N, C-alpha and C. Protein backbone atom coordinates (compact mmCIF):
# COMPACT_ATOMS: atom_id res chain seq x y z
N MET A 1 82.89 104.72 33.99
CA MET A 1 82.80 104.56 32.56
C MET A 1 81.33 104.34 32.19
N ALA A 2 80.86 105.09 31.24
CA ALA A 2 79.49 104.93 30.74
C ALA A 2 79.44 103.77 29.76
N THR A 3 78.34 103.04 29.77
CA THR A 3 78.17 101.92 28.86
C THR A 3 76.80 102.00 28.19
N LYS A 4 76.66 101.22 27.13
CA LYS A 4 75.37 101.04 26.49
C LYS A 4 75.14 99.54 26.33
N HIS A 5 73.88 99.16 26.40
CA HIS A 5 73.55 97.74 26.48
C HIS A 5 72.25 97.48 25.74
N ILE A 6 72.20 96.36 25.03
CA ILE A 6 70.94 95.92 24.42
C ILE A 6 70.82 94.40 24.53
N GLN A 7 69.60 93.94 24.42
CA GLN A 7 69.30 92.53 24.22
C GLN A 7 68.60 92.44 22.88
N TYR A 8 69.22 91.72 21.97
CA TYR A 8 68.74 91.65 20.59
C TYR A 8 68.14 90.28 20.32
N GLN A 9 66.89 90.24 19.89
CA GLN A 9 66.22 89.00 19.53
C GLN A 9 66.65 88.62 18.11
N THR A 10 67.32 87.49 17.98
CA THR A 10 67.84 87.07 16.68
C THR A 10 66.72 86.54 15.78
N GLN A 11 67.02 86.50 14.49
CA GLN A 11 66.08 85.98 13.50
C GLN A 11 66.83 85.04 12.57
N GLY A 12 66.29 83.84 12.39
CA GLY A 12 66.85 82.90 11.42
C GLY A 12 68.07 82.12 11.88
N THR A 13 68.32 82.10 13.20
CA THR A 13 69.48 81.36 13.71
C THR A 13 69.06 80.46 14.86
N CYS A 14 69.96 79.56 15.25
CA CYS A 14 69.69 78.68 16.38
C CYS A 14 69.71 79.45 17.70
N SER A 15 70.55 80.46 17.79
CA SER A 15 70.53 81.29 19.00
C SER A 15 69.25 82.14 18.98
N GLN A 16 68.74 82.45 20.16
CA GLN A 16 67.50 83.22 20.24
C GLN A 16 67.72 84.67 20.64
N LEU A 17 68.81 84.95 21.36
CA LEU A 17 69.02 86.28 21.93
C LEU A 17 70.51 86.56 22.02
N ILE A 18 70.87 87.83 21.78
CA ILE A 18 72.25 88.28 21.99
C ILE A 18 72.19 89.45 22.97
N ASP A 19 72.94 89.34 24.04
CA ASP A 19 73.05 90.39 25.06
C ASP A 19 74.43 91.00 24.90
N VAL A 20 74.50 92.28 24.58
CA VAL A 20 75.79 92.91 24.27
C VAL A 20 75.91 94.28 24.93
N THR A 21 77.12 94.55 25.42
CA THR A 21 77.44 95.80 26.09
C THR A 21 78.70 96.40 25.48
N ALA A 22 78.69 97.72 25.29
CA ALA A 22 79.87 98.44 24.80
C ALA A 22 80.06 99.69 25.65
N ASP A 23 81.27 100.24 25.61
CA ASP A 23 81.52 101.48 26.36
C ASP A 23 81.21 102.69 25.49
N GLU A 24 81.47 103.88 26.04
CA GLU A 24 81.13 105.11 25.34
C GLU A 24 81.97 105.35 24.08
N HIS A 25 83.04 104.56 23.91
CA HIS A 25 83.89 104.67 22.72
C HIS A 25 83.58 103.58 21.70
N ASN A 26 82.45 102.90 21.87
CA ASN A 26 82.02 101.80 20.99
C ASN A 26 82.98 100.62 21.00
N VAL A 27 83.59 100.36 22.15
CA VAL A 27 84.42 99.18 22.34
C VAL A 27 83.56 98.13 23.04
N ILE A 28 83.49 96.95 22.46
CA ILE A 28 82.65 95.88 23.00
C ILE A 28 83.24 95.39 24.33
N GLN A 29 82.39 95.38 25.36
CA GLN A 29 82.80 94.94 26.69
C GLN A 29 82.44 93.49 26.95
N GLN A 30 81.24 93.07 26.52
CA GLN A 30 80.84 91.67 26.70
C GLN A 30 79.72 91.31 25.74
N VAL A 31 79.68 90.03 25.40
CA VAL A 31 78.64 89.49 24.53
C VAL A 31 78.23 88.13 25.08
N PHE A 32 76.93 87.92 25.20
CA PHE A 32 76.38 86.62 25.60
C PHE A 32 75.33 86.21 24.57
N PHE A 33 75.38 84.95 24.17
CA PHE A 33 74.38 84.38 23.27
C PHE A 33 73.52 83.42 24.07
N LEU A 34 72.23 83.43 23.82
CA LEU A 34 71.31 82.45 24.40
C LEU A 34 70.95 81.46 23.31
N GLY A 35 71.31 80.20 23.51
CA GLY A 35 71.06 79.17 22.51
C GLY A 35 72.19 79.13 21.49
N GLY A 36 72.05 78.27 20.52
CA GLY A 36 73.06 78.16 19.47
C GLY A 36 74.18 77.20 19.85
N CYS A 37 75.24 77.21 19.08
CA CYS A 37 76.40 76.33 19.28
C CYS A 37 77.28 76.91 20.37
N ASN A 38 77.14 76.41 21.57
CA ASN A 38 77.73 77.01 22.76
C ASN A 38 79.23 77.29 22.62
N GLY A 39 80.01 76.31 22.23
CA GLY A 39 81.46 76.50 22.15
C GLY A 39 81.85 77.55 21.13
N ASN A 40 81.26 77.49 19.95
CA ASN A 40 81.57 78.47 18.91
C ASN A 40 81.17 79.88 19.33
N LEU A 41 80.01 80.01 19.95
CA LEU A 41 79.53 81.34 20.33
C LEU A 41 80.32 81.90 21.52
N GLN A 42 80.79 81.03 22.41
CA GLN A 42 81.69 81.51 23.47
C GLN A 42 82.98 82.03 22.85
N GLY A 43 83.47 81.32 21.84
CA GLY A 43 84.69 81.75 21.15
C GLY A 43 84.51 83.09 20.47
N ILE A 44 83.41 83.27 19.76
CA ILE A 44 83.13 84.55 19.10
C ILE A 44 83.05 85.66 20.14
N SER A 45 82.37 85.38 21.26
CA SER A 45 82.23 86.38 22.32
C SER A 45 83.59 86.84 22.83
N GLN A 46 84.50 85.90 23.03
CA GLN A 46 85.83 86.25 23.52
C GLN A 46 86.65 87.00 22.47
N LEU A 47 86.51 86.61 21.22
CA LEU A 47 87.28 87.25 20.15
C LEU A 47 86.86 88.70 19.91
N VAL A 48 85.57 89.00 20.05
CA VAL A 48 85.12 90.36 19.76
C VAL A 48 85.25 91.29 20.97
N ARG A 49 85.42 90.73 22.17
CA ARG A 49 85.58 91.56 23.36
C ARG A 49 86.84 92.43 23.22
N GLY A 50 86.67 93.73 23.48
CA GLY A 50 87.78 94.67 23.36
C GLY A 50 87.94 95.26 21.98
N GLN A 51 87.10 94.82 21.03
CA GLN A 51 87.17 95.30 19.64
C GLN A 51 86.19 96.45 19.42
N GLN A 52 86.50 97.31 18.46
CA GLN A 52 85.59 98.37 18.05
C GLN A 52 84.39 97.77 17.33
N ILE A 53 83.21 98.28 17.59
CA ILE A 53 81.99 97.79 16.96
C ILE A 53 82.13 97.77 15.44
N ASP A 54 82.58 98.86 14.84
CA ASP A 54 82.67 98.93 13.38
C ASP A 54 83.64 97.91 12.80
N ASP A 55 84.73 97.61 13.51
CA ASP A 55 85.69 96.61 13.04
C ASP A 55 85.06 95.21 13.01
N VAL A 56 84.28 94.90 14.04
CA VAL A 56 83.61 93.59 14.10
C VAL A 56 82.58 93.49 12.98
N ILE A 57 81.82 94.55 12.77
CA ILE A 57 80.82 94.53 11.70
C ILE A 57 81.48 94.30 10.34
N LYS A 58 82.60 94.96 10.09
CA LYS A 58 83.31 94.79 8.81
C LYS A 58 83.73 93.34 8.58
N ARG A 59 84.12 92.65 9.66
CA ARG A 59 84.62 91.29 9.54
C ARG A 59 83.52 90.23 9.45
N LEU A 60 82.41 90.45 10.15
CA LEU A 60 81.41 89.39 10.30
C LEU A 60 80.13 89.60 9.51
N ASP A 61 79.91 90.79 9.00
CA ASP A 61 78.66 91.11 8.31
C ASP A 61 78.47 90.22 7.08
N GLY A 62 77.29 89.64 6.98
CA GLY A 62 76.94 88.86 5.80
C GLY A 62 77.32 87.39 5.84
N LEU A 63 77.98 86.94 6.90
CA LEU A 63 78.32 85.52 6.99
C LEU A 63 77.04 84.70 7.07
N ARG A 64 77.07 83.53 6.42
CA ARG A 64 75.90 82.66 6.39
C ARG A 64 76.22 81.34 7.07
N CYS A 65 75.19 80.70 7.59
CA CYS A 65 75.33 79.39 8.23
C CYS A 65 74.62 78.37 7.35
N GLY A 66 75.39 77.55 6.67
CA GLY A 66 74.81 76.56 5.78
C GLY A 66 73.96 77.22 4.71
N THR A 67 72.72 76.77 4.59
CA THR A 67 71.82 77.33 3.58
C THR A 67 70.99 78.50 4.11
N LYS A 68 71.19 78.86 5.37
CA LYS A 68 70.45 79.99 5.94
C LYS A 68 70.97 81.30 5.35
N SER A 69 70.12 82.31 5.33
CA SER A 69 70.52 83.61 4.78
C SER A 69 71.27 84.46 5.80
N THR A 70 71.48 83.94 7.00
CA THR A 70 72.17 84.66 8.06
C THR A 70 72.94 83.66 8.92
N SER A 71 73.55 84.14 9.97
CA SER A 71 74.30 83.30 10.91
C SER A 71 74.33 84.02 12.25
N CYS A 72 74.82 83.36 13.27
CA CYS A 72 74.95 84.03 14.57
C CYS A 72 75.91 85.22 14.48
N PRO A 73 77.07 85.10 13.80
CA PRO A 73 77.93 86.28 13.66
C PRO A 73 77.25 87.42 12.89
N ASP A 74 76.48 87.08 11.87
CA ASP A 74 75.75 88.10 11.11
C ASP A 74 74.70 88.77 12.00
N GLN A 75 74.01 87.99 12.81
CA GLN A 75 73.02 88.55 13.72
C GLN A 75 73.69 89.41 14.79
N LEU A 76 74.90 89.04 15.19
CA LEU A 76 75.66 89.90 16.11
C LEU A 76 75.88 91.27 15.47
N CYS A 77 76.15 91.30 14.19
CA CYS A 77 76.31 92.59 13.49
C CYS A 77 75.04 93.42 13.56
N ARG A 78 73.88 92.78 13.39
CA ARG A 78 72.61 93.51 13.50
C ARG A 78 72.46 94.09 14.91
N ALA A 79 72.83 93.30 15.91
CA ALA A 79 72.75 93.78 17.29
C ALA A 79 73.71 94.95 17.51
N LEU A 80 74.92 94.84 16.97
CA LEU A 80 75.91 95.90 17.14
C LEU A 80 75.49 97.19 16.45
N GLU A 81 74.83 97.06 15.31
CA GLU A 81 74.33 98.26 14.63
C GLU A 81 73.31 98.99 15.51
N GLN A 82 72.45 98.24 16.16
CA GLN A 82 71.50 98.86 17.09
C GLN A 82 72.19 99.43 18.31
N LEU A 83 73.19 98.72 18.79
CA LEU A 83 73.90 99.17 19.98
C LEU A 83 74.61 100.50 19.77
N LYS A 84 75.11 100.72 18.55
CA LYS A 84 75.82 101.97 18.27
C LYS A 84 74.94 103.19 18.58
N SER A 85 73.65 103.08 18.34
CA SER A 85 72.77 104.24 18.55
C SER A 85 72.03 104.18 19.89
N ALA A 86 72.35 103.19 20.71
CA ALA A 86 71.68 103.08 22.02
C ALA A 86 72.20 104.17 22.96
N PRO A 87 71.35 104.63 23.88
CA PRO A 87 71.78 105.66 24.83
C PRO A 87 72.77 105.11 25.86
N LEU A 88 73.63 105.97 26.32
CA LEU A 88 74.58 105.59 27.38
C LEU A 88 73.83 105.45 28.69
N GLU A 89 74.25 104.49 29.50
CA GLU A 89 73.62 104.28 30.81
C GLU A 89 74.48 104.87 31.90
C-alpha cells in the first residue's frame, strides 16, 4: 500500500508539530502531535484514524481554542490539506 506523509509545523497552538500519514485513497492511517494537551490530542488522533481526509476537514476546520484564532484540530486540518497534495511514497 502506498502512503503519503508530512510533518506540519503548527502555528498559534500549544502543540508544535503534527506528524500525519494517509494512504493512496486519502484515508488517515496515523496522527501524532508533539506538545499540546496530551490526552485530548491522543483522543483526536484515534478518532480521525481510518477517516477520509475531507470528512475530517469538514468536521474540524475553523475550531478555536479559547481566545486563539486556531486550535490543534484546526491546525490538523491545515496539515491534512497539505497532505492531500503530497506525493505517494
